[in-house]
Amino acid sequence: MATLSTITPERMEKYLETTRKAFAKVTVVAPPKSFAAKMAENFLDMAKRYYADAQHNAKTGDYVNAFAQVNYAHGWLDAGARLGVFDVGQDDVLFTLLD
């Protein structure tokens, strides 16, 4: 029978730190005044909002929601990197890049 993993405070901190490192790597490279720049701005805004919510919920001990939110935040960053609106320094550990 499978067992459920627990989202411990230490595990939650690890996920928050991983996404913090991802934020530090992101640079918007879409040309200003382009549709891609608006997309990059929107992706970054969504990531920041989800990350802030994750931090808040982690502080209050709501690790289930914090875990989901930090993964959504990282997903927005990952999507922007994969689309090419973010430069992430070819980091294929923190991001899912095309070969």
Protein backbone atom coordinates (compact mmCIF):
# COMPACT_ATOMS: atom_id res chain seq x y z
CA MET A 1 0.00 0.00 0.00
CA ALA A 2 1.32 3.45 -0.90
CA THR A 3 1.95 5.96 1.84
CA LEU A 4 1.42 9.69 1.61
CA SER A 5 4.40 11.97 1.96
CA THR A 6 4.19 14.77 4.47
CA ILE A 7 4.99 18.32 3.55
CA THR A 8 7.26 19.19 6.44
CA PRO A 9 8.41 22.73 7.23
CA GLU A 10 11.88 21.73 6.01
CA ARG A 11 10.56 20.36 2.72
CA MET A 12 8.42 23.47 2.25
CA GLU A 13 11.45 25.70 2.82
CA LYS A 14 13.38 23.69 0.23
CA TYR A 15 10.69 24.29 -2.41
CA LEU A 16 10.47 27.99 -1.57
CA GLU A 17 14.26 28.29 -1.81
CA THR A 18 14.36 26.49 -5.17
CA THR A 19 11.81 28.90 -6.61
CA ARG A 20 13.64 31.88 -5.06
CA LYS A 21 16.75 30.73 -6.93
CA ALA A 22 14.70 30.48 -10.13
CA PHE A 23 13.47 34.07 -9.70
CA ALA A 24 17.08 35.21 -9.30
CA LYS A 25 17.96 33.65 -12.68
CA VAL A 26 15.08 35.17 -14.66
CA THR A 27 15.73 38.13 -16.93
CA VAL A 28 13.06 39.38 -19.32
CA VAL A 29 14.48 39.33 -22.85
CA ALA A 30 11.35 40.00 -24.87
CA PRO A 31 11.62 43.21 -26.93
CA PRO A 32 10.02 46.21 -25.22
CA LYS A 33 6.60 47.22 -26.57
CA SER A 34 6.04 43.74 -27.99
CA PHE A 35 3.31 41.19 -27.30
CA ALA A 36 6.06 38.94 -25.92
CA ALA A 37 7.07 41.64 -23.41
CA LYS A 38 3.48 41.87 -22.17
CA MET A 39 3.41 38.08 -21.89
CA ALA A 40 6.68 38.07 -19.93
CA GLU A 41 5.37 40.79 -17.62
CA ASN A 42 2.18 38.80 -17.04
CA PHE A 43 4.05 35.52 -16.42
CA LEU A 44 6.38 37.23 -13.95
CA ASP A 45 3.49 38.92 -12.17
CA MET A 46 1.62 35.61 -11.81
CA ALA A 47 4.74 33.90 -10.49
CA LYS A 48 5.34 36.65 -7.93
CA ARG A 49 1.74 36.52 -6.72
CA TYR A 50 1.72 32.74 -6.33
CA TYR A 51 5.11 32.87 -4.60
CA ALA A 52 3.92 35.54 -2.15
CA ASP A 53 0.84 33.45 -1.38
CA ALA A 54 3.05 30.40 -0.85
CA GLN A 55 5.28 32.30 1.56
CA HIS A 56 2.26 33.56 3.50
CA ASN A 57 0.64 30.13 3.73
CA ALA A 58 3.92 28.47 4.71
CA LYS A 59 4.28 30.96 7.57
CA THR A 60 0.78 30.12 8.81
CA GLY A 61 1.45 26.38 8.56
CA ASP A 62 -0.86 25.76 5.58
CA TYR A 63 1.72 23.66 3.76
CA VAL A 64 -0.74 21.97 1.40
CA ASN A 65 -1.78 25.25 -0.22
CA ALA A 66 1.74 26.68 0.04
CA PHE A 67 3.11 23.62 -1.78
CA ALA A 68 0.60 24.03 -4.61
CA GLN A 69 1.25 27.76 -4.85
CA VAL A 70 5.04 27.49 -4.98
CA ASN A 71 4.72 24.91 -7.74
CA TYR A 72 2.41 27.19 -9.73
CA ALA A 73 4.91 30.05 -9.25
CA HIS A 74 7.77 27.94 -10.53
CA GLY A 75 5.59 26.71 -13.39
CA TRP A 76 5.00 30.28 -14.62
CA LEU A 77 8.75 30.93 -14.56
CA ASP A 78 9.43 27.65 -16.33
CA ALA A 79 6.86 28.42 -19.02
CA GLY A 80 8.40 31.84 -19.67
CA ALA A 81 11.85 30.29 -19.95
CA ARG A 82 10.61 27.61 -22.33
CA LEU A 83 8.81 30.18 -24.51
CA GLY A 84 11.95 32.29 -24.68
CA VAL A 85 10.61 35.46 -23.05
CA PHE A 86 12.90 34.86 -20.05
CA ASP A 87 16.64 34.28 -20.18
CA VAL A 88 17.62 31.84 -17.43
CA GLY A 89 21.26 31.40 -18.35
CA GLN A 90 20.68 27.98 -19.94
CA ASP A 91 19.97 26.57 -16.45
CA ASP A 92 18.41 23.20 -17.21
CA VAL A 93 18.34 22.19 -13.54
CA LEU A 94 15.94 24.85 -12.31
CA PHE A 95 14.10 25.06 -15.65
CA THR A 96 12.80 22.73 -18.35
CA LEU A 97 14.52 23.96 -21.50
CA LEU A 98 14.35 22.60 -25.03
CA ASP A 99 17.32 20.64 -26.34
